């Protein structure tokens, strides 16, 4: 099953975090500065991971 990669996939992939999937409360983007607010009581990952397109589209609350 092949899925086409689009620009949003690429933008999301450039953002890395140690917050596990499902544990991000919101994402705030101010230019090149990305702020990720985790949910309470999350356990950071040992390694960073890339954001998914779905996380970027659903959790981004402000962009300037």
N, C-alpha and C. Protein backbone atom coordinates (compact mmCIF):
# COMPACT_ATOMS: atom_id res chain seq x y z
N UNK A 1 0.85 -1.18 0.00
CA UNK A 1 0.00 0.00 0.00
C UNK A 1 0.89 1.24 0.00
N UNK A 2 0.93 1.93 -1.12
CA UNK A 2 1.80 3.09 -1.28
C UNK A 2 0.96 4.35 -1.13
N UNK A 3 1.45 5.26 -0.31
CA UNK A 3 0.76 6.53 -0.07
C UNK A 3 1.67 7.65 -0.56
N UNK A 4 1.08 8.62 -1.24
CA UNK A 4 1.87 9.75 -1.72
C UNK A 4 2.24 10.66 -0.56
N UNK A 5 3.45 11.16 -0.58
CA UNK A 5 3.93 12.09 0.44
C UNK A 5 3.67 13.50 -0.08
N UNK A 6 3.07 14.34 0.78
CA UNK A 6 2.79 15.71 0.37
C UNK A 6 3.59 16.70 1.23
N UNK A 7 3.38 17.99 0.99
CA UNK A 7 4.16 19.02 1.67
C UNK A 7 3.95 18.99 3.19
N UNK A 8 2.74 18.70 3.64
CA UNK A 8 2.47 18.66 5.09
C UNK A 8 3.22 17.50 5.74
N UNK A 9 3.28 16.35 5.06
CA UNK A 9 4.09 15.24 5.57
C UNK A 9 5.53 15.69 5.78
N UNK A 10 6.06 16.43 4.81
CA UNK A 10 7.45 16.88 4.86
C UNK A 10 7.67 17.89 5.98
N UNK A 11 6.74 18.84 6.14
CA UNK A 11 6.86 19.82 7.22
C UNK A 11 6.84 19.11 8.57
N UNK A 12 5.88 18.22 8.76
CA UNK A 12 5.78 17.50 10.04
C UNK A 12 7.04 16.69 10.32
N UNK A 13 7.59 16.06 9.29
CA UNK A 13 8.77 15.20 9.46
C UNK A 13 9.98 16.00 9.95
N UNK A 14 10.04 17.29 9.62
CA UNK A 14 11.19 18.10 10.03
C UNK A 14 11.18 18.42 11.53
N UNK A 15 10.06 18.18 12.19
CA UNK A 15 9.95 18.47 13.63
C UNK A 15 10.18 17.19 14.41
N UNK A 16 11.12 17.25 15.35
CA UNK A 16 11.42 16.09 16.17
C UNK A 16 11.11 16.39 17.64
N UNK A 17 10.71 15.37 18.37
CA UNK A 17 10.37 15.51 19.78
C UNK A 17 10.66 14.22 20.52
N UNK A 18 10.78 14.33 21.84
CA UNK A 18 10.91 13.13 22.67
C UNK A 18 9.60 12.83 23.40
N UNK A 19 8.53 13.51 22.99
CA UNK A 19 7.20 13.27 23.57
C UNK A 19 6.53 12.16 22.76
N UNK A 20 6.07 11.10 23.44
CA UNK A 20 5.44 9.98 22.71
C UNK A 20 4.16 10.40 21.99
N UNK A 21 3.80 9.62 20.96
CA UNK A 21 2.53 9.84 20.27
C UNK A 21 1.39 9.71 21.27
N UNK A 22 0.41 10.57 21.15
CA UNK A 22 -0.74 10.55 22.05
C UNK A 22 -0.52 11.34 23.34
N UNK A 23 0.67 11.86 23.54
CA UNK A 23 0.98 12.58 24.77
C UNK A 23 1.25 14.07 24.54
N UNK A 24 0.96 14.57 23.34
CA UNK A 24 1.12 15.99 23.04
C UNK A 24 -0.22 16.69 23.23
N UNK A 25 -0.21 17.73 24.06
CA UNK A 25 -1.44 18.51 24.27
C UNK A 25 -1.65 19.49 23.12
N UNK A 26 -0.58 20.21 22.75
CA UNK A 26 -0.69 21.16 21.64
C UNK A 26 0.68 21.50 21.10
N UNK A 27 0.67 22.02 19.86
CA UNK A 27 1.88 22.48 19.19
C UNK A 27 1.66 23.94 18.83
N UNK A 28 2.63 24.78 19.17
CA UNK A 28 2.59 26.20 18.81
C UNK A 28 3.80 26.46 17.93
N UNK A 29 3.58 27.07 16.81
CA UNK A 29 4.68 27.37 15.89
C UNK A 29 4.79 28.87 15.69
N UNK A 30 5.99 29.38 15.93
CA UNK A 30 6.28 30.80 15.71
C UNK A 30 7.48 30.85 14.79
N UNK A 31 7.21 30.92 13.49
CA UNK A 31 8.29 30.87 12.50
C UNK A 31 9.00 29.53 12.56
N UNK A 32 10.31 29.56 12.78
CA UNK A 32 11.09 28.33 12.87
C UNK A 32 11.11 27.75 14.26
N UNK A 33 10.50 28.43 15.24
CA UNK A 33 10.48 27.96 16.63
C UNK A 33 9.21 27.13 16.86
N UNK A 34 9.40 25.89 17.24
CA UNK A 34 8.29 24.97 17.49
C UNK A 34 8.23 24.70 18.98
N UNK A 35 7.08 24.94 19.59
CA UNK A 35 6.88 24.66 21.00
C UNK A 35 5.88 23.52 21.13
N UNK A 36 6.27 22.47 21.83
CA UNK A 36 5.40 21.31 22.02
C UNK A 36 5.06 21.21 23.50
N UNK A 37 3.78 21.32 23.81
CA UNK A 37 3.34 21.20 25.19
C UNK A 37 2.84 19.77 25.41
N UNK A 38 3.54 19.00 26.26
CA UNK A 38 3.10 17.63 26.51
C UNK A 38 1.95 17.59 27.51
N UNK A 39 1.20 16.51 27.48
CA UNK A 39 0.17 16.27 28.48
C UNK A 39 0.87 15.96 29.80
N UNK A 40 0.14 16.11 30.89
CA UNK A 40 0.71 15.84 32.21
C UNK A 40 1.09 14.36 32.32
N UNK A 41 2.09 14.12 33.14
CA UNK A 41 2.53 12.76 33.47
C UNK A 41 2.97 11.93 32.28
N UNK A 42 3.60 12.57 31.30
CA UNK A 42 4.13 11.79 30.18
C UNK A 42 5.54 11.33 30.53
N UNK A 43 5.97 10.27 29.92
CA UNK A 43 7.33 9.76 30.09
C UNK A 43 8.07 10.02 28.79
N UNK A 44 9.14 10.84 28.82
CA UNK A 44 9.87 11.15 27.59
C UNK A 44 10.47 9.89 26.96
N UNK A 45 10.55 9.89 25.65
CA UNK A 45 11.19 8.79 24.93
C UNK A 45 12.70 8.89 25.09
N UNK A 46 13.38 7.79 24.98
CA UNK A 46 14.84 7.78 25.02
C UNK A 46 15.42 8.41 23.76
N UNK A 47 14.73 8.25 22.65
CA UNK A 47 15.18 8.80 21.37
C UNK A 47 14.11 9.72 20.81
N UNK A 48 14.56 10.72 20.06
CA UNK A 48 13.60 11.61 19.43
C UNK A 48 12.91 10.91 18.26
N UNK A 49 11.72 11.39 17.93
CA UNK A 49 10.96 10.87 16.80
C UNK A 49 10.44 12.05 15.99
N UNK A 50 10.04 11.78 14.77
CA UNK A 50 9.46 12.80 13.90
C UNK A 50 7.96 12.89 14.17
N UNK A 51 7.41 14.09 14.05
CA UNK A 51 5.96 14.24 14.15
C UNK A 51 5.29 13.62 12.94
N UNK A 52 4.08 13.22 13.12
CA UNK A 52 3.29 12.70 12.00
C UNK A 52 2.46 13.85 11.40
N UNK A 53 2.02 13.65 10.18
CA UNK A 53 1.15 14.63 9.53
C UNK A 53 -0.11 14.83 10.35
N UNK A 54 -0.69 13.76 10.85
CA UNK A 54 -1.92 13.85 11.64
C UNK A 54 -1.70 14.68 12.90
N UNK A 55 -0.58 14.46 13.61
CA UNK A 55 -0.29 15.25 14.80
C UNK A 55 -0.16 16.72 14.44
N UNK A 56 0.57 17.01 13.38
CA UNK A 56 0.79 18.40 12.97
C UNK A 56 -0.53 19.08 12.64
N UNK A 57 -1.38 18.43 11.90
CA UNK A 57 -2.65 19.03 11.49
C UNK A 57 -3.65 19.16 12.63
N UNK A 58 -3.68 18.23 13.55
CA UNK A 58 -4.70 18.26 14.61
C UNK A 58 -4.25 18.98 15.87
N UNK A 59 -2.95 19.06 16.13
CA UNK A 59 -2.48 19.63 17.40
C UNK A 59 -1.91 21.03 17.27
N UNK A 60 -1.68 21.51 16.05
CA UNK A 60 -1.16 22.86 15.84
C UNK A 60 -2.27 23.86 16.15
N UNK A 61 -2.04 24.71 17.16
CA UNK A 61 -3.09 25.64 17.59
C UNK A 61 -2.80 27.08 17.19
N UNK A 62 -1.55 27.42 16.94
CA UNK A 62 -1.23 28.80 16.58
C UNK A 62 0.00 28.82 15.71
N UNK A 63 -0.02 29.68 14.72
CA UNK A 63 1.14 29.83 13.84
C UNK A 63 1.25 31.29 13.48
N UNK A 64 2.47 31.80 13.61
CA UNK A 64 2.68 33.21 13.23
C UNK A 64 3.98 33.36 12.46
